[in-house]
C-alpha atoms as a PDB file:
ATOM      1  CA  MET A   1       0.230   0.218   0.113  1.00  0.00           C
ATOM      2  CA  GLY A   2       1.265   3.250  -0.756  1.00  0.00           C
ATOM      3  CA  TYR A   3       0.519   6.923  -0.214  1.00  0.00           C
ATOM      4  CA  HIS A   4       1.945   9.160  -3.244  1.00  0.00           C
ATOM      5  CA  ILE A   5       2.319  12.800  -2.470  1.00  0.00           C
ATOM      6  CA  ILE A   6       4.402  13.451  -5.468  1.00  0.00           C
ATOM      7  CA  SER A   7       3.198  11.527  -8.696  1.00  0.00           C
ATOM      8  CA  ASP A   8       5.802   8.565  -8.923  1.00  0.00           C
ATOM      9  CA  ILE A   9       4.198   5.786  -9.430  1.00  0.00           C
ATOM     10  CA  TYR A  10       7.333   3.695  -8.369  1.00  0.00           C
ATOM     11  CA  LYS A  11       8.114   5.212  -5.314  1.00  0.00           C
ATOM     12  CA  PRO A  12       5.369   5.998  -3.070  1.00  0.00           C
ATOM     13  CA  ASP A  13       5.909   8.737   0.063  1.00  0.00           C
ATOM     14  CA  ILE A  14       4.449   6.735   2.469  1.00  0.00           C
ATOM     15  CA  GLU A  15       4.654   2.903   2.036  1.00  0.00           C
ATOM     16  CA  LEU A  16       3.186   0.082   4.012  1.00  0.00           C
ATOM     17  CA  THR A  17       4.243  -3.303   3.416  1.00  0.00           C
ATOM     18  CA  ILE A  18       2.280  -6.310   5.405  1.00  0.00           C
ATOM     19  CA  TYR A  19       4.440  -9.849   5.367  1.00  0.00           C
ATOM     20  CA  ALA A  20       2.120 -12.850   5.513  1.00  0.00           C
ATOM     21  CA  GLU A  21       5.112 -14.425   6.617  1.00  0.00           C
ATOM     22  CA  PRO A  22       7.248 -12.343   9.112  1.00  0.00           C
ATOM     23  CA  GLN A  23      10.645 -11.142   7.739  1.00  0.00           C
ATOM     24  CA  MET A  24      13.737  -9.708   9.144  1.00  0.00           C
ATOM     25  CA  ASN A  25      15.003  -6.371   7.925  1.00  0.00           C
ATOM     26  CA  TYR A  26      17.531  -7.266   5.678  1.00  0.00           C
ATOM     27  CA  HIS A  27      19.607  -3.779   6.264  1.00  0.00           C
ATOM     28  CA  ALA A  28      19.604  -4.545   9.819  1.00  0.00           C
ATOM     29  CA  GLU A  29      20.960  -8.252   9.169  1.00  0.00           C
ATOM     30  CA  ARG A  30      23.598  -7.038   6.715  1.00  0.00           C
ATOM     31  CA  TYR A  31      24.897  -4.087   8.476  1.00  0.00           C
ATOM     32  CA  ALA A  32      23.836  -4.549  12.300  1.00  0.00           C
ATOM     33  CA  PRO A  33      23.914  -8.393  12.386  1.00  0.00           C
ATOM     34  CA  GLY A  34      21.861  -9.836  15.335  1.00  0.00           C
ATOM     35  CA  LYS A  35      20.592  -6.669  16.476  1.00  0.00           C
ATOM     36  CA  GLN A  36      16.725  -7.404  15.161  1.00  0.00           C
ATOM     37  CA  LYS A  37      15.898 -10.061  17.953  1.00  0.00           C
ATOM     38  CA  ASN A  38      11.996 -10.867  16.169  1.00  0.00           C
ATOM     39  CA  PRO A  39      10.906 -10.915  12.722  1.00  0.00           C
ATOM     40  CA  SER A  40       8.702  -8.100  11.391  1.00  0.00           C
ATOM     41  CA  TYR A  41       4.858  -7.996  10.152  1.00  0.00           C
ATOM     42  CA  TYR A  42       4.943  -4.741   8.958  1.00  0.00           C
ATOM     43  CA  GLU A  43       7.666  -2.385   7.026  1.00  0.00           C
ATOM     44  CA  TRP A  44       7.087   1.403   6.696  1.00  0.00           C
ATOM     45  CA  LYS A  45       9.113   3.505   4.256  1.00  0.00           C
ATOM     46  CA  LEU A  46       8.999   7.386   4.434  1.00  0.00           C
ATOM     47  CA  ARG A  47      10.221   9.448   1.707  1.00  0.00           C
ATOM     48  CA  ALA A  48       9.189  13.107   1.334  1.00  0.00           C
ATOM     49  CA  LEU A  49       6.435  14.356   3.558  1.00  0.00           C
ATOM     50  CA  ARG A  50       6.176  17.503   1.624  1.00  0.00           C
ATOM     51  CA  ASP A  51       4.421  18.899  -1.876  1.00  0.00           C
ATOM     52  CA  PRO A  52       7.479  19.102  -4.434  1.00  0.00           C
ATOM     53  CA  ASP A  53       8.028  22.806  -4.114  1.00  0.00           C
ATOM     54  CA  PHE A  54       7.595  23.169  -0.746  1.00  0.00           C
ATOM     55  CA  LEU A  55      11.490  23.437   0.159  1.00  0.00           C
ATOM     56  CA  THR A  56      11.986  25.994  -2.941  1.00  0.00           C
ATOM     57  CA  LYS A  57       8.911  28.283  -1.676  1.00  0.00           C
ATOM     58  CA  GLN A  58      11.210  28.527   1.356  1.00  0.00           C
ATOM     59  CA  GLY A  59      14.089  29.448  -0.596  1.00  0.00           C
ATOM     60  CA  TRP A  60      16.218  25.998  -0.193  1.00  0.00           C
ATOM     61  CA  GLU A  61      18.847  25.267  -2.889  1.00  0.00           C
ATOM     62  CA  PRO A  62      21.179  22.498  -2.840  1.00  0.00           C
ATOM     63  CA  GLY A  63      23.949  22.670  -0.458  1.00  0.00           C
ATOM     64  CA  MET A  64      22.366  25.170   1.497  1.00  0.00           C
ATOM     65  CA  ASN A  65      22.161  24.392   5.670  1.00  0.00           C
ATOM     66  CA  HIS A  66      19.289  21.611   6.294  1.00  0.00           C
ATOM     67  CA  ARG A  67      18.723  23.090   9.906  1.00  0.00           C
ATOM     68  CA  ASP A  68      17.500  26.175   8.523  1.00  0.00           C
ATOM     69  CA  PHE A  69      14.484  24.801   6.674  1.00  0.00           C
ATOM     70  CA  VAL A  70      11.497  22.902   7.566  1.00  0.00           C
ATOM     71  CA  TRP A  71      11.342  19.375   5.598  1.00  0.00           C
ATOM     72  CA  THR A  72       7.755  18.416   6.417  1.00  0.00           C
ATOM     73  CA  GLN A  73       4.431  19.560   5.784  1.00  0.00           C
ATOM     74  CA  GLU A  74       1.718  19.140   8.825  1.00  0.00           C
ATOM     75  CA  LYS A  75      -0.816  17.937   6.465  1.00  0.00           C
ATOM     76  CA  TYR A  76       1.253  14.823   5.550  1.00  0.00           C
ATOM     77  CA  GLU A  77       2.314  14.428   9.097  1.00  0.00           C
ATOM     78  CA  LYS A  78      -1.143  14.128   9.844  1.00  0.00           C
ATOM     79  CA  VAL A  79      -1.375  11.188   7.232  1.00  0.00           C
ATOM     80  CA  PHE A  80       1.039   9.540   8.488  1.00  0.00           C
ATOM     81  CA  LYS A  81       0.139   9.566  12.195  1.00  0.00           C
ATOM     82  CA  HIS A  82      -3.526   8.332  11.180  1.00  0.00           C
ATOM     83  CA  LEU A  83      -2.190   5.461   8.921  1.00  0.00           C
ATOM     84  CA  CYS A  84       0.113   4.476  12.213  1.00  0.00           C
ATOM     85  CA  GLN A  85      -3.446   4.374  14.309  1.00  0.00           C
ATOM     86  CA  ILE A  86      -5.087   2.152  11.539  1.00  0.00           C
ATOM     87  CA  VAL A  87      -2.299  -0.066  11.757  1.00  0.00           C
ATOM     88  CA  TYR A  88      -1.531  -0.381  15.702  1.00  0.00           C
ATOM     89  CA  GLY A  89      -4.626   1.053  17.215  1.00  0.00           C
ATOM     90  CA  PRO A  90      -5.197   4.669  18.698  1.00  0.00           C
ATOM     91  CA  SER A  91      -2.989   4.359  21.884  1.00  0.00           C
ATOM     92  CA  GLN A  92      -0.146   2.415  20.016  1.00  0.00           C
ATOM     93  CA  GLY A  93      -0.341   4.094  17.011  1.00  0.00           C
ATOM     94  CA  THR A  94      -0.048   7.390  18.327  1.00  0.00           C
ATOM     95  CA  ALA A  95       2.937   5.991  20.545  1.00  0.00           C
ATOM     96  CA  PHE A  96       4.616   4.476  17.475  1.00  0.00           C
ATOM     97  CA  TYR A  97       4.465   7.902  15.123  1.00  0.00           C
ATOM     98  CA  ASP A  98       5.602   9.853  18.512  1.00  0.00           C
ATOM     99  CA  PHE A  99       8.379   7.804  18.510  1.00  0.00           C
ATOM    100  CA  ALA A 100       9.434   6.951  14.454  1.00  0.00           C
ATOM    101  CA  PHE A 101       8.533  10.671  13.496  1.00  0.00           C
ATOM    102  CA  PRO A 102      11.306  12.412  15.175  1.00  0.00           C
ATOM    103  CA  LEU A 103      13.663   9.461  13.708  1.00  0.00           C
ATOM    104  CA  TYR A 104      12.494  10.454  10.285  1.00  0.00           C
ATOM    105  CA  GLN A 105      13.201  14.384  11.308  1.00  0.00           C
ATOM    106  CA  LYS A 106      16.624  13.855  12.474  1.00  0.00           C
ATOM    107  CA  VAL A 107      17.620  12.288   9.029  1.00  0.00           C
ATOM    108  CA  PHE A 108      16.394  15.460   7.025  1.00  0.00           C
ATOM    109  CA  TYR A 109      17.797  17.791   9.250  1.00  0.00           C
ATOM    110  CA  ALA A 110      21.319  16.157   9.140  1.00  0.00           C
ATOM    111  CA  GLY A 111      21.499  16.453   5.824  1.00  0.00           C
ATOM    112  CA  GLY A 112      23.507  13.774   5.259  1.00  0.00           C
ATOM    113  CA  TRP A 113      26.367  11.352   6.433  1.00  0.00           C
ATOM    114  CA  ILE A 114      24.500  10.078   9.303  1.00  0.00           C
ATOM    115  CA  GLU A 115      24.331   6.885  11.093  1.00  0.00           C
ATOM    116  CA  ASP A 116      21.098   6.038  13.428  1.00  0.00           C
ATOM    117  CA  SER A 117      19.666   2.831  14.174  1.00  0.00           C
ATOM    118  CA  TYR A 118      17.169   1.586  16.834  1.00  0.00           C
ATOM    119  CA  PHE A 119      16.266  -2.030  17.774  1.00  0.00           C
ATOM    120  CA  GLY A 120      13.838  -3.110  20.797  1.00  0.00           C
ATOM    121  CA  ILE A 121      10.409  -2.445  22.046  1.00  0.00           C
ATOM    122  CA  VAL A 122       8.857   1.162  21.372  1.00  0.00           C
ATOM    123  CA  PRO A 123       7.639   2.435  24.822  1.00  0.00           C
ATOM    124  CA  ASP A 124       4.265   2.304  24.740  1.00  0.00           C
ATOM    125  CA  THR A 125       3.439   0.596  21.545  1.00  0.00           C
ATOM    126  CA  GLY A 126       3.837  -3.275  22.577  1.00  0.00           C
ATOM    127  CA  ILE A 127       6.023  -3.582  19.446  1.00  0.00           C
ATOM    128  CA  GLU A 128       9.398  -4.133  18.641  1.00  0.00           C
ATOM    129  CA  LEU A 129      10.948  -1.897  16.025  1.00  0.00           C
ATOM    130  CA  ALA A 130      13.846  -2.696  13.816  1.00  0.00           C
ATOM    131  CA  TYR A 131      15.162   0.576  12.078  1.00  0.00           C
ATOM    132  CA  TYR A 132      18.624   1.297  10.361  1.00  0.00           C
ATOM    133  CA  TYR A 133      19.789   4.100   8.179  1.00  0.00           C
ATOM    134  CA  SER A 134      23.393   4.908   6.967  1.00  0.00           C
ATOM    135  CA  ASP A 135      24.520   7.462   4.463  1.00  0.00           C
ATOM    136  CA  LEU A 136      27.893   5.703   4.910  1.00  0.00           C
ATOM    137  CA  ASN A 137      26.560   2.308   3.905  1.00  0.00           C
ATOM    138  CA  GLN A 138      24.457   3.748   0.994  1.00  0.00           C
ATOM    139  CA  VAL A 139      21.196   2.605   2.884  1.00  0.00           C
ATOM    140  CA  LYS A 140      19.227   5.983   2.172  1.00  0.00           C
ATOM    141  CA  ILE A 141      15.505   4.153   2.705  1.00  0.00           C
ATOM    142  CA  ILE A 142      14.041   5.613   6.044  1.00  0.00           C
ATOM    143  CA  ASN A 143      12.380   2.439   7.028  1.00  0.00           C
ATOM    144  CA  TYR A 144      10.692   0.975   9.933  1.00  0.00           C
ATOM    145  CA  TRP A 145      10.283  -2.841  10.418  1.00  0.00           C
ATOM    146  CA  THR A 146       7.812  -3.372  13.496  1.00  0.00           C
ATOM    147  CA  THR A 147       6.236  -6.699  15.226  1.00  0.00           C
ATOM    148  CA  ARG A 148       2.323  -6.786  15.508  1.00  0.00           C
ATOM    149  CA  PRO A 149       1.140  -5.214  18.629  1.00  0.00           C
ATOM    150  CA  VAL A 150       1.300  -7.399  21.779  1.00  0.00           C
ATOM    151  CA  VAL A 151      -2.149  -5.514  22.796  1.00  0.00           C
ATOM    152  CA  ARG A 152      -4.077  -3.457  20.428  1.00  0.00           C
ATOM    153  CA  LYS A 153      -5.751  -0.999  22.168  1.00  0.00           C
END
């Protein structure tokens, strides 16, 4: 399932894959072997949560300091949050969003050359997350692999 902000039929900006058979995060297995403890049922891929001209309207040009600009639009943040609540339930979905969205923003505000990962139970969600992102290793898709909620409220 994919939500397209920019009309790119090959790369939706919010993509959710639901696995019939649980999978291990292949990036984590390659670059952080043994960190993911349980296989995932869901994989979220996030790309641009903004309109195509959102950055240029702010005056951004390649090479400028990333921290001086807003990288996401509230309307798309709300879409992502709502999708999290549909998948995990209202309280656990909100907790997942509140945890994962700052990780997503961290990548964009860093402006490149970032090593970031998280493996383990996400607070207040009842799910395990396996997240790995690295410019150094050329893993540039921001994706979150999660187990199913222990209790869906």
